[in-house]
Structure formats: C-alpha cells, structure tokens
Protein backbone atom coordinates (compact mmCIF):
# COMPACT_ATOMS: atom_id res chain seq x y z
CA MET A 1 19.06 6.75 -12.82
CA TYR A 2 16.73 4.06 -11.53
CA ILE A 3 15.43 1.07 -13.47
CA GLY A 4 11.74 0.03 -13.42
CA LYS A 5 8.94 0.83 -11.02
CA GLU A 6 9.52 2.54 -7.72
CA TYR A 7 9.49 0.44 -4.54
CA LEU A 8 7.82 1.57 -1.34
CA PHE A 9 8.40 -0.45 1.83
CA VAL A 10 6.03 0.28 4.71
CA ASP A 11 7.13 -0.54 8.26
CA GLY A 12 3.70 -1.90 9.21
CA TYR A 13 3.59 -1.73 12.99
CA ASN A 14 5.50 1.57 13.01
CA ILE A 15 2.81 3.11 10.80
CA ILE A 16 -0.01 1.57 12.85
CA ASN A 17 1.46 3.08 16.02
CA ALA A 18 1.97 6.47 14.35
CA TRP A 19 -1.43 6.96 12.69
CA GLU A 20 -4.00 7.92 15.31
CA GLU A 21 -7.00 6.05 13.87
CA LEU A 22 -4.97 2.85 13.41
CA GLN A 23 -3.43 3.20 16.86
CA LYS A 24 -6.91 3.44 18.44
CA MET A 25 -8.05 0.44 16.43
CA ALA A 26 -4.97 -1.53 17.54
CA GLU A 27 -5.85 -0.92 21.19
CA VAL A 28 -8.97 -3.01 20.56
CA SER A 29 -7.63 -5.41 17.91
CA ILE A 30 -4.17 -5.44 16.34
CA GLU A 31 -5.52 -7.74 13.63
CA ALA A 32 -8.20 -5.21 12.68
CA ALA A 33 -5.64 -2.39 12.58
CA ARG A 34 -3.33 -4.51 10.45
CA GLN A 35 -6.14 -5.33 8.01
CA GLU A 36 -7.21 -1.67 7.83
CA LEU A 37 -3.64 -0.65 6.94
CA ILE A 38 -3.55 -3.38 4.29
CA ASP A 39 -6.87 -2.16 2.83
CA ILE A 40 -5.58 1.42 2.68
CA MET A 41 -2.35 0.25 1.04
CA ILE A 42 -4.24 -1.80 -1.59
CA GLU A 43 -6.01 1.32 -2.83
CA TYR A 44 -2.87 3.46 -2.58
CA GLN A 45 -0.74 0.92 -4.48
CA SER A 46 -3.35 0.46 -7.17
CA TYR A 47 -3.66 4.19 -7.79
CA ARG A 48 0.06 5.01 -7.60
CA ASP A 49 1.13 1.93 -9.61
CA ILE A 50 4.25 1.22 -7.55
CA ASN A 51 5.72 -1.91 -5.98
CA LEU A 52 4.41 -1.60 -2.43
CA ILE A 53 5.52 -4.01 0.29
CA VAL A 54 4.12 -3.81 3.83
CA VAL A 55 6.41 -5.51 6.36
CA PHE A 56 5.21 -6.70 9.77
CA ASP A 57 7.48 -8.02 12.52
CA ALA A 58 6.90 -11.62 13.54
CA TYR A 59 10.26 -11.95 15.27
CA LYS A 60 8.74 -12.59 18.71
CA VAL A 61 6.46 -15.35 17.42
CA LYS A 62 8.15 -18.68 18.07
CA GLY A 63 8.62 -21.08 15.19
CA THR A 64 7.47 -18.73 12.44
CA SER A 65 9.05 -18.64 9.04
CA LEU A 66 8.91 -15.82 6.51
CA ARG A 67 5.37 -15.50 5.19
CA LYS A 68 4.32 -13.56 2.08
CA GLU A 69 0.76 -12.70 1.16
CA LYS A 70 -0.45 -11.04 -2.04
CA TYR A 71 -3.46 -8.74 -2.31
CA GLY A 72 -3.57 -7.92 -6.01
CA GLN A 73 -0.24 -6.21 -6.59
CA LEU A 74 0.31 -5.42 -2.89
CA GLU A 75 2.77 -7.68 -1.09
CA VAL A 76 2.54 -8.20 2.67
CA ILE A 77 5.50 -9.73 4.50
CA PHE A 78 5.49 -11.25 7.97
CA THR A 79 9.11 -11.68 9.01
CA LYS A 80 10.47 -14.94 10.33
CA GLU A 81 11.25 -15.64 13.98
CA ASN A 82 14.12 -13.46 15.27
CA GLU A 83 13.91 -11.07 12.30
CA THR A 84 12.59 -7.54 12.67
CA ALA A 85 10.87 -5.56 9.94
CA ASP A 86 13.92 -3.27 10.04
CA ALA A 87 16.27 -6.19 9.30
CA TYR A 88 14.11 -7.40 6.42
CA ILE A 89 13.91 -3.91 4.89
CA GLU A 90 17.64 -3.41 5.38
CA ARG A 91 18.37 -6.67 3.52
CA LYS A 92 16.10 -5.69 0.64
CA LEU A 93 17.70 -2.25 0.44
CA ASP A 94 21.12 -3.91 0.17
CA GLU A 95 19.77 -5.94 -2.78
CA ILE A 96 18.02 -3.21 -4.75
CA GLY A 97 18.64 0.18 -3.08
CA ARG A 98 21.11 1.52 -5.62
CA ILE A 99 19.43 0.02 -8.70
CA LYS A 100 15.76 0.78 -8.02
CA LYS A 101 14.14 3.83 -6.49
CA VAL A 102 13.31 2.62 -2.99
CA THR A 103 11.42 4.62 -0.39
CA VAL A 104 10.70 3.41 3.14
CA ALA A 105 7.80 4.75 5.20
CA THR A 106 8.77 4.68 8.88
CA SER A 107 9.40 7.00 11.79
CA ASP A 108 12.04 4.70 13.30
CA GLY A 109 15.10 6.96 13.57
CA MET A 110 17.69 4.18 13.32
CA LEU A 111 15.98 2.69 10.28
CA GLN A 112 15.79 6.12 8.64
CA GLN A 113 19.57 6.57 8.98
CA MET A 114 20.20 3.11 7.57
CA ILE A 115 17.86 3.81 4.62
CA LEU A 116 19.76 6.91 3.61
CA SER A 117 23.15 5.17 3.94
CA ARG A 118 22.02 2.41 1.56
CA GLY A 119 20.71 4.60 -1.23
CA GLY A 120 17.05 4.67 -0.23
CA LEU A 121 14.68 7.52 0.50
CA ARG A 122 12.82 7.90 3.76
CA LEU A 123 9.29 9.02 4.38
CA SER A 124 8.19 9.67 7.96
CA ALA A 125 4.91 8.16 9.14
CA ARG A 126 3.42 11.64 9.29
CA GLU A 127 4.55 12.54 5.75
CA PHE A 128 3.24 9.21 4.50
CA TYR A 129 -0.10 9.77 6.23
CA HIS A 130 -0.56 13.10 4.42
CA LEU A 131 0.53 11.56 1.12
CA VAL A 132 -2.04 8.77 1.52
CA LYS A 133 -4.80 11.23 2.50
CA ASP A 134 -3.99 13.46 -0.50
CA THR A 135 -4.18 10.39 -2.73
CA GLU A 136 -7.57 9.44 -1.27
CA ILE A 137 -8.85 12.96 -2.06
CA GLU A 138 -7.47 12.70 -5.60
CA ILE A 139 -9.14 9.31 -6.10
CA GLU A 140 -12.48 10.63 -4.84
CA ARG A 141 -12.21 13.68 -7.11
CA LYS A 142 -11.63 11.42 -10.13
CA ARG A 143 -14.51 9.15 -9.12
CA ARG A 144 -16.86 12.13 -8.95
CA LYS A 145 -15.65 13.40 -12.31
CA ILE A 146 -16.16 9.98 -13.91
CA SER A 147 -19.60 9.73 -12.33
CA GLN A 148 -20.52 13.21 -13.60
CA ASN A 149 -19.29 12.34 -17.11
CA SER A 150 -21.35 9.16 -16.97
CA ILE A 151 -24.46 11.20 -16.21
CA ASN A 152 -23.68 13.60 -19.07
CA TYR A 153 -23.41 10.74 -21.59
CA ARG A 154 -26.70 9.07 -20.66
CA GLY A 155 -28.73 11.36 -22.88
CA THR A 156 -26.42 10.95 -25.89
CA LEU A 157 -25.91 7.18 -26.06
CA ASP A 158 -28.37 4.73 -27.51
CA THR A 159 -29.80 1.91 -25.37
CA ARG A 160 -27.64 -0.80 -26.95
CA THR A 161 -24.40 1.10 -26.21
CA LEU A 162 -25.53 1.84 -22.66
CA ASP A 163 -26.27 -1.87 -22.11
CA LYS A 164 -22.77 -2.78 -23.35
CA LEU A 165 -21.21 -0.21 -21.00
CA LYS A 166 -23.20 -1.52 -18.05
CA GLY A 167 -22.01 -5.05 -18.88
CA LEU A 168 -18.38 -3.89 -18.95
CA ILE A 169 -18.75 -2.10 -15.63
CA VAL A 170 -20.24 -5.21 -13.98
CA GLU A 171 -17.48 -7.37 -15.51
CA GLU A 172 -14.75 -5.03 -14.15
CA ALA A 173 -16.32 -5.01 -10.68
CA GLN A 174 -16.39 -8.83 -10.64
CA LYS A 175 -12.70 -8.97 -11.65
CA LYS A 176 -11.75 -6.59 -8.84
CA ARG A 177 -13.67 -8.67 -6.28
CA LYS A 178 -11.89 -11.83 -7.43
CA LYS A 179 -8.48 -10.15 -6.99
CA LYS A 180 -9.24 -9.33 -3.35
C-alpha cells in the first residue's frame, strides 16, 4: 500500500528523442523542444493531480549545480555536473520507491530495469505518449461539455448571476496566468 499522491518522473531528453514532434523540434531548437515538453507536462500534471517531476541531464555542462524550477505544481530538475537524469531518478527511487507509488517514463532499457528493482513502475516513452494524448482528448471533451452546459444555462440565469459568473471566470483565468 502506497502513501499519498503518486509520483511520475519523466526522463526529459529521452522523451524528447522518442516523441516524433518533439524530436523534430529539437533538431531546430532543443530549448523549444524542452519548453514544449514542459508545457505538455503542466497540463497533464494539473489534470491528473500527481507529483510530476521532469528531469533533464546537465551532466555535460561544466560548473552546473542542481537546479529546480517550479511551474505551478510541476517540478523541473536540471541535474548537476557529472550527474545523469538516470542517476537522479535512481537516487529518488531509493528514497521513496517502496513508500510512494513511483512511475518513471523512459525508454532507456537500463533505467527501466533499475526502476523495477527498486520498487517503481516503468512506462515506455511510447506508452506515455499515448497516455498523454488520451488525457488531452479527455480534457478537450470536458471543455466542450462545460462550454455546452454554459450555453444551456444562459437562458435560465438572470443578468446579475451571469455577471457574477463572468467575474469568477475572469478571476480564475488571471490566477492561472500568474501561476505560469
């Protein structure tokens, strides 16, 4: 039995190199591909309500120290010099792998074996891609349903109530923009 929210670690560059649209983007700009993956993960994390950590290697960058960035609830890790994403994920699995439900999205065969030996679950880049795409479809379906319900209520609500609802919607949108 696991305690608390599920953890999902994403091997950032492994996923970028495995997903065709990100791979093509990376050929032009690795920074753009990295940001696109982060943007996709922000929406996925928000909808799935899990602890999602994207880990990028910085081990070849001289003089770097571990860097953490937060995007709402999403955590992005850039490893320190001489540390791979695999090593970082392995260390975290040693800390929480048997207490928390931990899944790692990667197609790195060695990392997948290590994940299983430390009590984690593995998700190949391809499986993760389809999971993310299914989630995007689910989100869009819910958005359409909410939009349709909104249209249905317009004729039944008085002007004052509609004005209050509009104010709440604007307020929520501003909060979301501030979080990004």
